[in-house]
Amino acid sequence: MPHRNQHLPVVLTCSGASDVGELSDLVGRELSRTRVVQLECAASVGAAKPDSLERLRRAKTVLVVDGCASRCTRKMVEKAGIERSRHLDLGELGLSKGHSPATEVNVSRTVEAVKALLG
């Protein structure tokens, strides 16, 4: 069960079938485990699950972490009408699909980038 704290930023991550999808997912899980963010299920947004959408609408900060330039997670959030969202595409960190395995180094580097983005 994800940690629920209404004061933490809410993060939605890509969990796609590529290396950067796996990396994005692991980053979200690490940030949630260490109580930096509240991790929300991106699929629940795509499914228009009412309680998930309400949590996002109430959130002070929503951060979307996409693995690649397709930006699927960001598109779901926009389609759901969630405002006040911030976005990080792992390509902005030089991590590219098919060339960025979910190693401990890449996870750590991305976790630090997300923390910096959140302030």
N, C-alpha and C. Protein backbone atom coordinates (compact mmCIF):
# COMPACT_ATOMS: atom_id res chain seq x y z
N MET A 1 0.85 -1.19 0.00
CA MET A 1 0.00 0.00 0.00
C MET A 1 0.89 1.24 0.00
N PRO A 2 0.68 2.17 -0.94
CA PRO A 2 1.49 3.38 -0.97
C PRO A 2 1.24 4.24 0.27
N HIS A 3 2.25 4.97 0.64
CA HIS A 3 2.16 5.89 1.76
C HIS A 3 1.21 7.03 1.39
N ARG A 4 0.25 7.36 2.24
CA ARG A 4 -0.70 8.44 1.98
C ARG A 4 -0.44 9.58 2.93
N ASN A 5 -0.03 10.71 2.40
CA ASN A 5 0.20 11.92 3.18
C ASN A 5 -0.18 13.09 2.29
N GLN A 6 -1.26 13.76 2.62
CA GLN A 6 -1.78 14.82 1.76
C GLN A 6 -0.84 16.01 1.62
N HIS A 7 0.18 16.09 2.45
CA HIS A 7 1.11 17.21 2.37
C HIS A 7 2.28 16.95 1.42
N LEU A 8 2.46 15.71 1.03
CA LEU A 8 3.55 15.37 0.11
C LEU A 8 3.13 15.61 -1.33
N PRO A 9 4.08 15.93 -2.19
CA PRO A 9 3.76 16.00 -3.62
C PRO A 9 3.30 14.63 -4.11
N VAL A 10 2.39 14.64 -5.06
CA VAL A 10 1.93 13.40 -5.65
C VAL A 10 2.72 13.17 -6.94
N VAL A 11 3.19 11.95 -7.12
CA VAL A 11 3.96 11.62 -8.32
C VAL A 11 3.29 10.48 -9.06
N LEU A 12 3.21 10.65 -10.37
CA LEU A 12 2.75 9.61 -11.28
C LEU A 12 3.91 9.30 -12.19
N THR A 13 4.17 8.02 -12.39
CA THR A 13 5.30 7.64 -13.22
C THR A 13 4.88 6.74 -14.36
N CYS A 14 5.63 6.85 -15.44
CA CYS A 14 5.52 5.91 -16.54
C CYS A 14 5.95 4.55 -16.00
N SER A 15 5.28 3.54 -16.43
CA SER A 15 5.71 2.18 -16.09
C SER A 15 5.72 1.35 -17.36
N GLY A 16 6.11 2.00 -18.44
CA GLY A 16 6.09 1.37 -19.75
C GLY A 16 7.01 0.17 -19.88
N ALA A 17 6.94 -0.47 -21.01
CA ALA A 17 7.66 -1.72 -21.25
C ALA A 17 9.12 -1.52 -21.61
N SER A 18 9.59 -0.31 -21.66
CA SER A 18 10.99 -0.04 -22.02
C SER A 18 11.85 0.13 -20.78
N ASP A 19 13.15 0.26 -21.00
CA ASP A 19 14.08 0.48 -19.90
C ASP A 19 13.77 1.77 -19.15
N VAL A 20 13.44 2.83 -19.86
CA VAL A 20 13.14 4.10 -19.19
C VAL A 20 11.79 4.07 -18.47
N GLY A 21 10.87 3.21 -18.91
CA GLY A 21 9.63 3.01 -18.19
C GLY A 21 9.89 2.32 -16.86
N GLU A 22 10.73 1.31 -16.89
CA GLU A 22 11.12 0.62 -15.65
C GLU A 22 11.86 1.58 -14.72
N LEU A 23 12.75 2.37 -15.28
CA LEU A 23 13.51 3.33 -14.50
C LEU A 23 12.59 4.35 -13.83
N SER A 24 11.67 4.89 -14.59
CA SER A 24 10.71 5.86 -14.05
C SER A 24 9.92 5.26 -12.90
N ASP A 25 9.45 4.04 -13.07
CA ASP A 25 8.69 3.35 -12.04
C ASP A 25 9.52 3.15 -10.78
N LEU A 26 10.75 2.69 -10.92
CA LEU A 26 11.62 2.47 -9.76
C LEU A 26 11.92 3.77 -9.02
N VAL A 27 12.06 4.85 -9.76
CA VAL A 27 12.30 6.16 -9.14
C VAL A 27 11.09 6.55 -8.28
N GLY A 28 9.90 6.41 -8.83
CA GLY A 28 8.69 6.72 -8.06
C GLY A 28 8.57 5.88 -6.80
N ARG A 29 8.88 4.60 -6.93
CA ARG A 29 8.80 3.71 -5.76
C ARG A 29 9.83 4.08 -4.69
N GLU A 30 11.03 4.44 -5.11
CA GLU A 30 12.07 4.84 -4.15
C GLU A 30 11.67 6.14 -3.44
N LEU A 31 11.16 7.09 -4.19
CA LEU A 31 10.74 8.36 -3.58
C LEU A 31 9.57 8.16 -2.62
N SER A 32 8.68 7.24 -2.94
CA SER A 32 7.56 6.93 -2.06
C SER A 32 8.04 6.19 -0.81
N ARG A 33 8.93 5.22 -1.00
CA ARG A 33 9.46 4.44 0.12
C ARG A 33 10.16 5.34 1.14
N THR A 34 10.85 6.36 0.65
CA THR A 34 11.58 7.26 1.53
C THR A 34 10.73 8.47 1.95
N ARG A 35 9.45 8.42 1.61
CA ARG A 35 8.46 9.43 2.02
C ARG A 35 8.77 10.83 1.51
N VAL A 36 9.32 10.90 0.32
CA VAL A 36 9.55 12.19 -0.34
C VAL A 36 8.30 12.60 -1.12
N VAL A 37 7.59 11.60 -1.63
CA VAL A 37 6.38 11.83 -2.42
C VAL A 37 5.32 10.80 -2.05
N GLN A 38 4.13 11.07 -2.52
CA GLN A 38 3.04 10.10 -2.47
C GLN A 38 2.90 9.58 -3.89
N LEU A 39 3.10 8.31 -4.10
CA LEU A 39 3.02 7.70 -5.41
C LEU A 39 1.57 7.36 -5.72
N GLU A 40 1.11 7.78 -6.85
CA GLU A 40 -0.25 7.47 -7.30
C GLU A 40 -0.16 6.60 -8.54
N CYS A 41 -1.12 5.75 -8.74
CA CYS A 41 -1.15 4.83 -9.87
C CYS A 41 -1.57 5.57 -11.15
N ALA A 42 -0.68 5.63 -12.12
CA ALA A 42 -0.99 6.30 -13.39
C ALA A 42 -2.13 5.60 -14.12
N ALA A 43 -2.19 4.28 -14.02
CA ALA A 43 -3.26 3.55 -14.70
C ALA A 43 -4.64 3.94 -14.16
N SER A 44 -4.71 4.28 -12.87
CA SER A 44 -6.00 4.69 -12.30
C SER A 44 -6.45 6.03 -12.89
N VAL A 45 -5.52 6.85 -13.30
CA VAL A 45 -5.86 8.11 -13.97
C VAL A 45 -6.42 7.80 -15.36
N GLY A 46 -5.74 6.92 -16.08
CA GLY A 46 -6.21 6.52 -17.40
C GLY A 46 -7.58 5.87 -17.35
N ALA A 47 -7.86 5.16 -16.25
CA ALA A 47 -9.15 4.51 -16.07
C ALA A 47 -10.20 5.44 -15.48
N ALA A 48 -9.80 6.69 -15.20
CA ALA A 48 -10.69 7.71 -14.62
C ALA A 48 -11.30 7.25 -13.30
N LYS A 49 -10.47 6.62 -12.47
CA LYS A 49 -10.92 6.16 -11.14
C LYS A 49 -11.19 7.38 -10.27
N PRO A 50 -12.43 7.57 -9.82
CA PRO A 50 -12.80 8.81 -9.13
C PRO A 50 -11.95 9.17 -7.92
N ASP A 51 -11.63 8.21 -7.04
CA ASP A 51 -10.87 8.57 -5.85
C ASP A 51 -9.44 8.99 -6.19
N SER A 52 -8.85 8.38 -7.20
CA SER A 52 -7.51 8.79 -7.64
C SER A 52 -7.53 10.19 -8.23
N LEU A 53 -8.51 10.45 -9.08
CA LEU A 53 -8.62 11.79 -9.68
C LEU A 53 -8.85 12.86 -8.62
N GLU A 54 -9.65 12.55 -7.63
CA GLU A 54 -9.90 13.51 -6.56
C GLU A 54 -8.64 13.79 -5.76
N ARG A 55 -7.85 12.75 -5.46
CA ARG A 55 -6.58 12.95 -4.75
C ARG A 55 -5.66 13.87 -5.55
N LEU A 56 -5.61 13.68 -6.85
CA LEU A 56 -4.76 14.53 -7.70
C LEU A 56 -5.27 15.96 -7.74
N ARG A 57 -6.56 16.14 -7.80
CA ARG A 57 -7.12 17.50 -7.84
C ARG A 57 -6.87 18.25 -6.54
N ARG A 58 -6.83 17.52 -5.42
CA ARG A 58 -6.58 18.14 -4.12
C ARG A 58 -5.10 18.37 -3.84
N ALA A 59 -4.26 17.69 -4.57
CA ALA A 59 -2.82 17.76 -4.29
C ALA A 59 -2.26 19.15 -4.54
N LYS A 60 -1.37 19.56 -3.68
CA LYS A 60 -0.69 20.84 -3.84
C LYS A 60 0.23 20.80 -5.05
N THR A 61 0.93 19.69 -5.23
CA THR A 61 1.86 19.50 -6.35
C THR A 61 1.67 18.12 -6.94
N VAL A 62 1.58 18.07 -8.26
CA VAL A 62 1.54 16.80 -8.99
C VAL A 62 2.72 16.80 -9.94
N LEU A 63 3.56 15.80 -9.82
CA LEU A 63 4.70 15.66 -10.71
C LEU A 63 4.51 14.42 -11.56
N VAL A 64 4.66 14.59 -12.85
CA VAL A 64 4.55 13.49 -13.80
C VAL A 64 5.96 13.17 -14.28
N VAL A 65 6.38 11.91 -14.17
CA VAL A 65 7.68 11.48 -14.65
C VAL A 65 7.45 10.50 -15.80
N ASP A 66 7.78 10.95 -16.99
CA ASP A 66 7.65 10.11 -18.18
C ASP A 66 9.00 9.55 -18.57
N GLY A 67 9.00 8.33 -19.05
CA GLY A 67 10.24 7.68 -19.47
C GLY A 67 10.75 8.18 -20.80
N CYS A 68 9.84 8.49 -21.72
CA CYS A 68 10.30 8.85 -23.07
C CYS A 68 9.47 9.99 -23.65
N ALA A 69 9.83 10.37 -24.84
CA ALA A 69 9.21 11.51 -25.51
C ALA A 69 7.75 11.28 -25.90
N SER A 70 7.25 10.06 -25.79
CA SER A 70 5.83 9.82 -26.06
C SER A 70 4.95 10.50 -25.02
N ARG A 71 5.47 10.66 -23.83
CA ARG A 71 4.81 11.39 -22.74
C ARG A 71 3.40 10.89 -22.44
N CYS A 72 3.24 9.59 -22.40
CA CYS A 72 1.93 8.97 -22.17
C CYS A 72 1.30 9.40 -20.84
N THR A 73 2.09 9.41 -19.79
CA THR A 73 1.56 9.74 -18.47
C THR A 73 1.11 11.19 -18.43
N ARG A 74 1.90 12.08 -18.99
CA ARG A 74 1.51 13.49 -19.05
C ARG A 74 0.21 13.67 -19.82
N LYS A 75 0.06 12.96 -20.93
CA LYS A 75 -1.16 13.06 -21.73
C LYS A 75 -2.38 12.59 -20.95
N MET A 76 -2.22 11.52 -20.14
CA MET A 76 -3.34 11.05 -19.31
C MET A 76 -3.74 12.11 -18.29
N VAL A 77 -2.75 12.72 -17.67
CA VAL A 77 -3.02 13.74 -16.66
C VAL A 77 -3.72 14.95 -17.29
N GLU A 78 -3.23 15.37 -18.44
CA GLU A 78 -3.87 16.50 -19.12
C GLU A 78 -5.30 16.16 -19.53
N LYS A 79 -5.51 14.97 -20.06
CA LYS A 79 -6.84 14.54 -20.48
C LYS A 79 -7.81 14.49 -19.30
N ALA A 80 -7.29 14.15 -18.13
CA ALA A 80 -8.12 14.09 -16.92
C ALA A 80 -8.39 15.48 -16.34
N GLY A 81 -7.76 16.51 -16.90
CA GLY A 81 -8.00 17.87 -16.43
C GLY A 81 -7.29 18.21 -15.14
N ILE A 82 -6.22 17.52 -14.84
CA ILE A 82 -5.47 17.79 -13.60
C ILE A 82 -4.58 19.00 -13.84
N GLU A 83 -4.76 20.00 -13.01
CA GLU A 83 -3.97 21.23 -13.13
C GLU A 83 -2.82 21.19 -12.12
N ARG A 84 -2.00 22.18 -12.19
CA ARG A 84 -0.85 22.33 -11.28
C ARG A 84 0.12 21.17 -11.38
N SER A 85 0.22 20.56 -12.54
CA SER A 85 1.18 19.47 -12.67
C SER A 85 2.50 19.98 -13.23
N ARG A 86 3.55 19.33 -12.80
CA ARG A 86 4.90 19.58 -13.32
C ARG A 86 5.29 18.32 -14.06
N HIS A 87 6.27 18.44 -14.93
CA HIS A 87 6.61 17.30 -15.78
C HIS A 87 8.11 17.12 -15.91
N LEU A 88 8.53 15.87 -15.90
CA LEU A 88 9.92 15.52 -16.17
C LEU A 88 9.92 14.36 -17.16
N ASP A 89 10.56 14.57 -18.28
CA ASP A 89 10.79 13.52 -19.27
C ASP A 89 12.23 13.08 -19.05
N LEU A 90 12.46 11.79 -18.86
CA LEU A 90 13.81 11.32 -18.57
C LEU A 90 14.80 11.67 -19.67
N GLY A 91 14.32 11.94 -20.87
CA GLY A 91 15.19 12.39 -21.95
C GLY A 91 15.88 13.70 -21.61
N GLU A 92 15.24 14.52 -20.76
CA GLU A 92 15.83 15.78 -20.32
C GLU A 92 17.09 15.54 -19.48
N LEU A 93 17.21 14.33 -18.96
CA LEU A 93 18.39 13.97 -18.16
C LEU A 93 19.41 13.19 -18.98
N GLY A 94 19.14 13.10 -20.28
CA GLY A 94 20.04 12.36 -21.16
C GLY A 94 19.80 10.86 -21.16
N LEU A 95 18.69 10.43 -20.60
CA LEU A 95 18.34 9.02 -20.55
C LEU A 95 17.41 8.71 -21.72
N SER A 96 17.83 7.83 -22.58
CA SER A 96 17.03 7.57 -23.78
C SER A 96 16.56 6.12 -23.84
N LYS A 97 15.41 5.97 -24.44
CA LYS A 97 14.76 4.67 -24.58
C LYS A 97 15.68 3.70 -25.32
N GLY A 98 15.85 2.52 -24.73
CA GLY A 98 16.68 1.49 -25.34
C GLY A 98 18.15 1.59 -24.99
N HIS A 99 18.53 2.66 -24.26
CA HIS A 99 19.95 2.88 -23.94
C HIS A 99 20.17 3.26 -22.48
N SER A 100 19.13 3.11 -21.65
CA SER A 100 19.23 3.57 -20.26
C SER A 100 18.64 2.53 -19.30
N PRO A 101 19.41 1.51 -19.01
CA PRO A 101 18.91 0.46 -18.12
C PRO A 101 18.62 1.00 -16.72
N ALA A 102 17.73 0.32 -16.03
CA ALA A 102 17.33 0.73 -14.69
C ALA A 102 18.37 0.27 -13.67
N THR A 103 19.57 0.81 -13.79
CA THR A 103 20.65 0.48 -12.87
C THR A 103 20.52 1.33 -11.61
N GLU A 104 21.24 0.92 -10.59
CA GLU A 104 21.25 1.69 -9.34
C GLU A 104 21.75 3.12 -9.59
N VAL A 105 22.74 3.28 -10.45
CA VAL A 105 23.28 4.61 -10.76
C VAL A 105 22.21 5.47 -11.43
N ASN A 106 21.51 4.93 -12.42
CA ASN A 106 20.48 5.71 -13.11
C ASN A 106 19.30 6.03 -12.20
N VAL A 107 18.93 5.09 -11.35
CA VAL A 107 17.84 5.35 -10.40
C VAL A 107 18.25 6.47 -9.44
N SER A 108 19.44 6.37 -8.86
CA SER A 108 19.91 7.37 -7.90
C SER A 108 20.00 8.75 -8.55
N ARG A 109 20.56 8.80 -9.73
CA ARG A 109 20.70 10.07 -10.46
C ARG A 109 19.33 10.70 -10.73
N THR A 110 18.37 9.88 -11.10
CA THR A 110 17.03 10.40 -11.41
C THR A 110 16.29 10.80 -10.14
N VAL A 111 16.45 10.05 -9.07
CA VAL A 111 15.85 10.42 -7.78
C VAL A 111 16.34 11.81 -7.37
N GLU A 112 17.63 12.05 -7.49
CA GLU A 112 18.19 13.36 -7.13
C GLU A 112 17.64 14.47 -8.03
N ALA A 113 17.45 14.19 -9.30
CA ALA A 113 16.89 15.18 -10.23
C ALA A 113 15.44 15.51 -9.85
N VAL A 114 14.67 14.51 -9.47
CA VAL A 114 13.29 14.75 -9.05
C VAL A 114 13.26 15.57 -7.77
N LYS A 115 14.11 15.22 -6.82
CA LYS A 115 14.17 15.99 -5.57
C LYS A 115 14.49 17.45 -5.85
N ALA A 116 15.44 17.69 -6.74
CA ALA A 116 15.81 19.06 -7.10
C ALA A 116 14.63 19.79 -7.76
N LEU A 117 13.92 19.11 -8.62
CA LEU A 117 12.76 19.69 -9.29
C LEU A 117 11.66 20.06 -8.30
N LEU A 118 11.48 19.22 -7.29
CA LEU A 118 10.46 19.48 -6.29
C LEU A 118 10.89 20.56 -5.29
N GLY A 119 12.19 20.84 -5.25
CA GLY A 119 12.69 21.88 -4.35
C GLY A 119 12.88 21.34 -2.98
